[in-house]
Structures are given as C-alpha cells and as structure tokens.
Amino acid sequence: MSSRRAVVGVMGAGEGASAEAVVLAEELGECISTRGWVLLTGGRPAGVMAAASRGAVRVEGHLVVGVLPDEGKGDDRQCTAELDLALFTGMGKARNVINVLSADVVVICGGGGPGTASEAAHALNAGRPLILLAVPPLWREFFCSLGKGVESASDVQECCRLIEARLTGA
C-alpha cells in the first residue's frame, strides 16, 4: 500500500470569483488539509485558488501546491503567499492539463470561465473523478451529461464526503 498522500485539485475562477465561491473554497481548503490530503490549485493570488490555499494553511501539517502558468522569474506576486510548493511551468493555460493529471480528485468550486471549464473537461477525458461544488445549474447539467464520474455537492461537508468516497473507492 502506498503512503503517498492523496492530491485534491481545487479549480475555479480567479479574478471575478463570486463571494460565495471564495467562502466555499476557503472552507474546502481547510477540510482538505484537516483530512491530510494535499491541496493543489492553479496557485494564483486571486479567487478560488487563493481562498482554498488560505483555508488549507490553517491546518498544521498542510501541503499546498500551486501549478502556475508563468516562468516564475523573480516575481512573487505571480503566486499566492500560502503555497508550500510553486511549480512554474511557463505553459500558460496548457498548465491546466498538469493541474488535472496531478490530482487524484478534481473539484470545481463555484464554476468559472473557459480555463475552469477546460479543467473540468480534462478531468473527464483523463478519467479523474470530478466533483462540482455549488456550480451554476448549467455547469452541472452540461458536465453531468458528458459521462460517468461527475458528482455534485451543494456544501463543503458533502463535497469532502464525496472526495473521501472517491479516494477510498467506496
């Protein structure tokens, strides 16, 4: 049995994230760390990415990883201060594939724009479990219609139960 910690990717809007999505992401980040899972985000200092990271670092023993689109040439403003590990890819939006393939479970928190939608689509293509947390009805209908492996949660506790079930195969 592997001792590797499970990695939970939390994706959602950066700039322009709703206040509800930010609150949920912060709670979700804390829940992820409390359970000993690694939090993986897009690493930016805005929206869902930053909020999930803020929540995660409240817990002792946290590990927060950010997969960033830039090259990381000396500008700390490119990433949220809460990251334990910043992976600068220089790949722009193509880094979304790395986000998804590095996660054992992908959570879309509150919806988002084209980047977030691409992460959800990559998760489905890669066979990663996809959990939609408090997304707009259109998002839920669309992604649930695309295939198996998509679940929906209305609150953080339900989302964490779904993550646990996916990680344990229950």
C-alpha atoms as a PDB file:
ATOM      1  CA  MET A   1       0.000   0.000   0.000  1.00  0.00           C
ATOM      2  CA  SER A   2       1.342   3.394  -0.982  1.00  0.00           C
ATOM      3  CA  SER A   3       1.992   6.022   1.664  1.00  0.00           C
ATOM      4  CA  ARG A   4       1.605   8.794  -0.900  1.00  0.00           C
ATOM      5  CA  ARG A   5      -0.766  11.499   0.271  1.00  0.00           C
ATOM      6  CA  ALA A   6      -3.860  11.959  -1.870  1.00  0.00           C
ATOM      7  CA  VAL A   7      -3.899  15.098  -4.012  1.00  0.00           C
ATOM      8  CA  VAL A   8      -7.128  17.071  -4.356  1.00  0.00           C
ATOM      9  CA  GLY A   9      -7.220  19.678  -7.093  1.00  0.00           C
ATOM     10  CA  VAL A  10      -9.465  22.664  -6.428  1.00  0.00           C
ATOM     11  CA  MET A  11     -10.245  24.714  -9.522  1.00  0.00           C
ATOM     12  CA  GLY A  12     -12.409  27.753 -10.074  1.00  0.00           C
ATOM     13  CA  ALA A  13     -12.462  31.397 -11.032  1.00  0.00           C
ATOM     14  CA  GLY A  14      -9.531  33.637 -10.202  1.00  0.00           C
ATOM     15  CA  GLU A  15     -10.342  37.279 -10.732  1.00  0.00           C
ATOM     16  CA  GLY A  16     -14.098  37.646 -10.715  1.00  0.00           C
ATOM     17  CA  ALA A  17     -14.830  34.703  -8.416  1.00  0.00           C
ATOM     18  CA  SER A  18     -18.108  35.152  -6.574  1.00  0.00           C
ATOM     19  CA  ALA A  19     -18.082  35.886  -2.851  1.00  0.00           C
ATOM     20  CA  GLU A  20     -19.858  32.552  -2.286  1.00  0.00           C
ATOM     21  CA  ALA A  21     -17.196  30.631  -4.226  1.00  0.00           C
ATOM     22  CA  VAL A  22     -14.417  32.309  -2.230  1.00  0.00           C
ATOM     23  CA  VAL A  23     -16.032  31.398   1.104  1.00  0.00           C
ATOM     24  CA  LEU A  24     -16.643  27.802  -0.016  1.00  0.00           C
ATOM     25  CA  ALA A  25     -13.094  27.460  -1.366  1.00  0.00           C
ATOM     26  CA  GLU A  26     -11.597  28.622   1.922  1.00  0.00           C
ATOM     27  CA  GLU A  27     -13.710  26.110   3.862  1.00  0.00           C
ATOM     28  CA  LEU A  28     -12.831  23.398   1.346  1.00  0.00           C
ATOM     29  CA  GLY A  29      -9.098  24.079   1.610  1.00  0.00           C
ATOM     30  CA  GLU A  30      -9.301  23.718   5.376  1.00  0.00           C
ATOM     31  CA  CYS A  31     -11.317  20.492   5.086  1.00  0.00           C
ATOM     32  CA  ILE A  32      -8.786  19.041   2.627  1.00  0.00           C
ATOM     33  CA  SER A  33      -5.841  19.772   4.931  1.00  0.00           C
ATOM     34  CA  THR A  34      -7.698  18.526   8.006  1.00  0.00           C
ATOM     35  CA  ARG A  35      -8.033  15.143   6.317  1.00  0.00           C
ATOM     36  CA  GLY A  36      -4.326  15.030   5.471  1.00  0.00           C
ATOM     37  CA  TRP A  37      -4.764  15.454   1.734  1.00  0.00           C
ATOM     38  CA  VAL A  38      -2.561  17.681  -0.417  1.00  0.00           C
ATOM     39  CA  LEU A  39      -4.257  20.754  -1.880  1.00  0.00           C
ATOM     40  CA  LEU A  40      -3.376  21.513  -5.500  1.00  0.00           C
ATOM     41  CA  THR A  41      -4.540  24.716  -7.199  1.00  0.00           C
ATOM     42  CA  GLY A  42      -3.561  26.984 -10.059  1.00  0.00           C
ATOM     43  CA  GLY A  43      -1.553  28.909  -7.461  1.00  0.00           C
ATOM     44  CA  ARG A  44      -2.612  32.425  -8.385  1.00  0.00           C
ATOM     45  CA  PRO A  45      -3.197  35.102  -5.687  1.00  0.00           C
ATOM     46  CA  ALA A  46      -6.884  35.539  -6.530  1.00  0.00           C
ATOM     47  CA  GLY A  47     -10.293  33.943  -6.263  1.00  0.00           C
ATOM     48  CA  VAL A  48     -10.813  30.260  -5.588  1.00  0.00           C
ATOM     49  CA  MET A  49      -7.096  29.427  -5.823  1.00  0.00           C
ATOM     50  CA  ALA A  50      -6.055  31.894  -3.125  1.00  0.00           C
ATOM     51  CA  ALA A  51      -9.061  31.182  -0.899  1.00  0.00           C
ATOM     52  CA  ALA A  52      -8.532  27.405  -0.883  1.00  0.00           C
ATOM     53  CA  SER A  53      -4.873  27.969  -0.051  1.00  0.00           C
ATOM     54  CA  ARG A  54      -5.746  30.321   2.837  1.00  0.00           C
ATOM     55  CA  GLY A  55      -8.048  27.702   4.287  1.00  0.00           C
ATOM     56  CA  ALA A  56      -5.525  24.897   3.921  1.00  0.00           C
ATOM     57  CA  VAL A  57      -2.696  26.661   5.742  1.00  0.00           C
ATOM     58  CA  ARG A  58      -4.814  26.991   8.880  1.00  0.00           C
ATOM     59  CA  VAL A  59      -4.164  23.298   9.494  1.00  0.00           C
ATOM     60  CA  GLU A  60      -0.876  22.044  10.893  1.00  0.00           C
ATOM     61  CA  GLY A  61       0.813  19.629   8.500  1.00  0.00           C
ATOM     62  CA  HIS A  62      -0.756  21.198   5.414  1.00  0.00           C
ATOM     63  CA  LEU A  63       0.791  20.859   1.963  1.00  0.00           C
ATOM     64  CA  VAL A  64      -0.325  23.371  -0.659  1.00  0.00           C
ATOM     65  CA  VAL A  65       0.921  23.065  -4.241  1.00  0.00           C
ATOM     66  CA  GLY A  66       0.342  25.602  -6.993  1.00  0.00           C
ATOM     67  CA  VAL A  67       0.823  24.816 -10.681  1.00  0.00           C
ATOM     68  CA  LEU A  68       1.425  28.204 -12.275  1.00  0.00           C
ATOM     69  CA  PRO A  69       1.289  29.294 -15.914  1.00  0.00           C
ATOM     70  CA  ASP A  70       4.299  31.606 -15.771  1.00  0.00           C
ATOM     71  CA  GLU A  71       8.053  31.055 -15.738  1.00  0.00           C
ATOM     72  CA  GLY A  72       8.471  32.453 -12.215  1.00  0.00           C
ATOM     73  CA  LYS A  73      11.256  34.868 -12.931  1.00  0.00           C
ATOM     74  CA  GLY A  74      11.549  36.560  -9.551  1.00  0.00           C
ATOM     75  CA  ASP A  75       8.057  37.990  -9.228  1.00  0.00           C
ATOM     76  CA  ASP A  76       6.446  36.686  -6.040  1.00  0.00           C
ATOM     77  CA  ARG A  77       3.185  38.433  -6.966  1.00  0.00           C
ATOM     78  CA  GLN A  78       2.555  35.674  -9.525  1.00  0.00           C
ATOM     79  CA  CYS A  79       1.527  33.240  -6.803  1.00  0.00           C
ATOM     80  CA  THR A  80      -0.384  33.226  -3.548  1.00  0.00           C
ATOM     81  CA  ALA A  81       1.805  33.518  -0.453  1.00  0.00           C
ATOM     82  CA  GLU A  82       0.324  30.360   1.083  1.00  0.00           C
ATOM     83  CA  LEU A  83       1.959  27.935  -1.355  1.00  0.00           C
ATOM     84  CA  ASP A  84       4.371  25.390   0.077  1.00  0.00           C
ATOM     85  CA  LEU A  85       5.447  24.459  -3.433  1.00  0.00           C
ATOM     86  CA  ALA A  86       5.117  26.668  -6.514  1.00  0.00           C
ATOM     87  CA  LEU A  87       5.568  24.839  -9.808  1.00  0.00           C
ATOM     88  CA  PHE A  88       6.233  27.376 -12.558  1.00  0.00           C
ATOM     89  CA  THR A  89       5.518  25.756 -15.898  1.00  0.00           C
ATOM     90  CA  GLY A  90       5.879  28.536 -18.463  1.00  0.00           C
ATOM     91  CA  MET A  91       2.984  26.801 -20.231  1.00  0.00           C
ATOM     92  CA  GLY A  92       0.214  29.376 -19.931  1.00  0.00           C
ATOM     93  CA  LYS A  93      -3.259  27.809 -19.949  1.00  0.00           C
ATOM     94  CA  ALA A  94      -1.772  24.485 -21.064  1.00  0.00           C
ATOM     95  CA  ARG A  95      -0.779  24.027 -17.427  1.00  0.00           C
ATOM     96  CA  ASN A  96      -4.419  23.106 -16.787  1.00  0.00           C
ATOM     97  CA  VAL A  97      -3.603  19.603 -18.017  1.00  0.00           C
ATOM     98  CA  ILE A  98      -0.864  19.316 -15.374  1.00  0.00           C
ATOM     99  CA  ASN A  99      -3.308  20.507 -12.694  1.00  0.00           C
ATOM    100  CA  VAL A 100      -5.772  17.780 -13.585  1.00  0.00           C
ATOM    101  CA  LEU A 101      -3.336  14.918 -14.177  1.00  0.00           C
ATOM    102  CA  SER A 102      -1.573  15.653 -10.871  1.00  0.00           C
ATOM    103  CA  ALA A 103      -4.805  15.386  -8.873  1.00  0.00           C
ATOM    104  CA  ASP A 104      -6.463  12.205  -7.660  1.00  0.00           C
ATOM    105  CA  VAL A 105      -9.798  14.049  -7.489  1.00  0.00           C
ATOM    106  CA  VAL A 106     -10.742  17.360  -9.133  1.00  0.00           C
ATOM    107  CA  VAL A 107     -13.218  19.773  -7.528  1.00  0.00           C
ATOM    108  CA  ILE A 108     -14.704  22.685  -9.458  1.00  0.00           C
ATOM    109  CA  CYS A 109     -15.732  25.278  -6.885  1.00  0.00           C
ATOM    110  CA  GLY A 110     -18.428  27.744  -7.908  1.00  0.00           C
ATOM    111  CA  GLY A 111     -17.917  27.497 -11.644  1.00  0.00           C
ATOM    112  CA  GLY A 112     -15.645  29.856 -13.554  1.00  0.00           C
ATOM    113  CA  GLY A 113     -14.602  30.788 -17.051  1.00  0.00           C
ATOM    114  CA  PRO A 114     -13.081  28.946 -20.007  1.00  0.00           C
ATOM    115  CA  GLY A 115      -9.977  27.918 -18.046  1.00  0.00           C
ATOM    116  CA  THR A 116     -12.034  26.265 -15.332  1.00  0.00           C
ATOM    117  CA  ALA A 117     -14.273  24.626 -17.925  1.00  0.00           C
ATOM    118  CA  SER A 118     -11.192  23.225 -19.660  1.00  0.00           C
ATOM    119  CA  GLU A 119     -10.001  21.734 -16.362  1.00  0.00           C
ATOM    120  CA  ALA A 120     -13.362  20.018 -15.894  1.00  0.00           C
ATOM    121  CA  ALA A 121     -13.197  18.678 -19.459  1.00  0.00           C
ATOM    122  CA  HIS A 122      -9.612  17.464 -18.982  1.00  0.00           C
ATOM    123  CA  ALA A 123     -10.684  15.676 -15.791  1.00  0.00           C
ATOM    124  CA  LEU A 124     -13.411  13.830 -17.675  1.00  0.00           C
ATOM    125  CA  ASN A 125     -11.057  12.958 -20.543  1.00  0.00           C
ATOM    126  CA  ALA A 126      -8.447  11.649 -18.107  1.00  0.00           C
ATOM    127  CA  GLY A 127     -10.947   9.629 -16.090  1.00  0.00           C
ATOM    128  CA  ARG A 128     -10.371  11.678 -12.941  1.00  0.00           C
ATOM    129  CA  PRO A 129     -13.260  11.891 -10.503  1.00  0.00           C
ATOM    130  CA  LEU A 130     -14.899  15.298 -10.898  1.00  0.00           C
ATOM    131  CA  ILE A 131     -16.924  16.950  -8.144  1.00  0.00           C
ATOM    132  CA  LEU A 132     -18.891  20.106  -8.850  1.00  0.00           C
ATOM    133  CA  LEU A 133     -19.275  22.232  -5.710  1.00  0.00           C
ATOM    134  CA  ALA A 134     -22.009  24.869  -5.826  1.00  0.00           C
ATOM    135  CA  VAL A 135     -21.681  25.397  -9.569  1.00  0.00           C
ATOM    136  CA  PRO A 136     -24.380  27.092 -11.659  1.00  0.00           C
ATOM    137  CA  PRO A 137     -27.134  24.733 -12.867  1.00  0.00           C
ATOM    138  CA  LEU A 138     -25.960  24.983 -16.480  1.00  0.00           C
ATOM    139  CA  TRP A 139     -22.480  23.777 -15.486  1.00  0.00           C
ATOM    140  CA  ARG A 140     -23.934  20.869 -13.535  1.00  0.00           C
ATOM    141  CA  GLU A 141     -26.262  19.838 -16.358  1.00  0.00           C
ATOM    142  CA  PHE A 142     -23.568  20.096 -19.013  1.00  0.00           C
ATOM    143  CA  PHE A 143     -20.737  18.277 -17.246  1.00  0.00           C
ATOM    144  CA  CYS A 144     -23.016  15.608 -15.772  1.00  0.00           C
ATOM    145  CA  SER A 145     -24.322  14.932 -19.288  1.00  0.00           C
ATOM    146  CA  LEU A 146     -20.821  14.190 -20.579  1.00  0.00           C
ATOM    147  CA  GLY A 147     -20.287  10.967 -18.747  1.00  0.00           C
ATOM    148  CA  LYS A 148     -19.703   8.994 -15.620  1.00  0.00           C
ATOM    149  CA  GLY A 149     -17.504  10.169 -12.811  1.00  0.00           C
ATOM    150  CA  VAL A 150     -19.197  13.523 -12.216  1.00  0.00           C
ATOM    151  CA  GLU A 151     -20.848  14.253  -8.887  1.00  0.00           C
ATOM    152  CA  SER A 152     -22.384  17.388  -7.465  1.00  0.00           C
ATOM    153  CA  ALA A 153     -22.243  18.823  -3.946  1.00  0.00           C
ATOM    154  CA  SER A 154     -24.045  21.812  -2.509  1.00  0.00           C
ATOM    155  CA  ASP A 155     -21.808  22.324   0.539  1.00  0.00           C
ATOM    156  CA  VAL A 156     -18.247  21.656   1.684  1.00  0.00           C
ATOM    157  CA  GLN A 157     -19.061  18.772   4.034  1.00  0.00           C
ATOM    158  CA  GLU A 158     -20.901  16.900   1.288  1.00  0.00           C
ATOM    159  CA  CYS A 159     -18.021  17.623  -1.088  1.00  0.00           C
ATOM    160  CA  CYS A 160     -15.453  16.223   1.362  1.00  0.00           C
ATOM    161  CA  ARG A 161     -17.564  13.090   1.859  1.00  0.00           C
ATOM    162  CA  LEU A 162     -17.636  12.614  -1.925  1.00  0.00           C
ATOM    163  CA  ILE A 163     -13.864  13.140  -2.153  1.00  0.00           C
ATOM    164  CA  GLU A 164     -13.301  10.571   0.602  1.00  0.00           C
ATOM    165  CA  ALA A 165     -15.565   8.066  -1.157  1.00  0.00           C
ATOM    166  CA  ARG A 166     -13.706   8.545  -4.444  1.00  0.00           C
ATOM    167  CA  LEU A 167     -10.301   8.180  -2.787  1.00  0.00           C
ATOM    168  CA  THR A 168     -11.270   5.029  -0.903  1.00  0.00           C
ATOM    169  CA  GLY A 169     -13.292   3.506  -3.724  1.00  0.00           C
ATOM    170  CA  ALA A 170     -16.397   3.359  -1.531  1.00  0.00           C
END
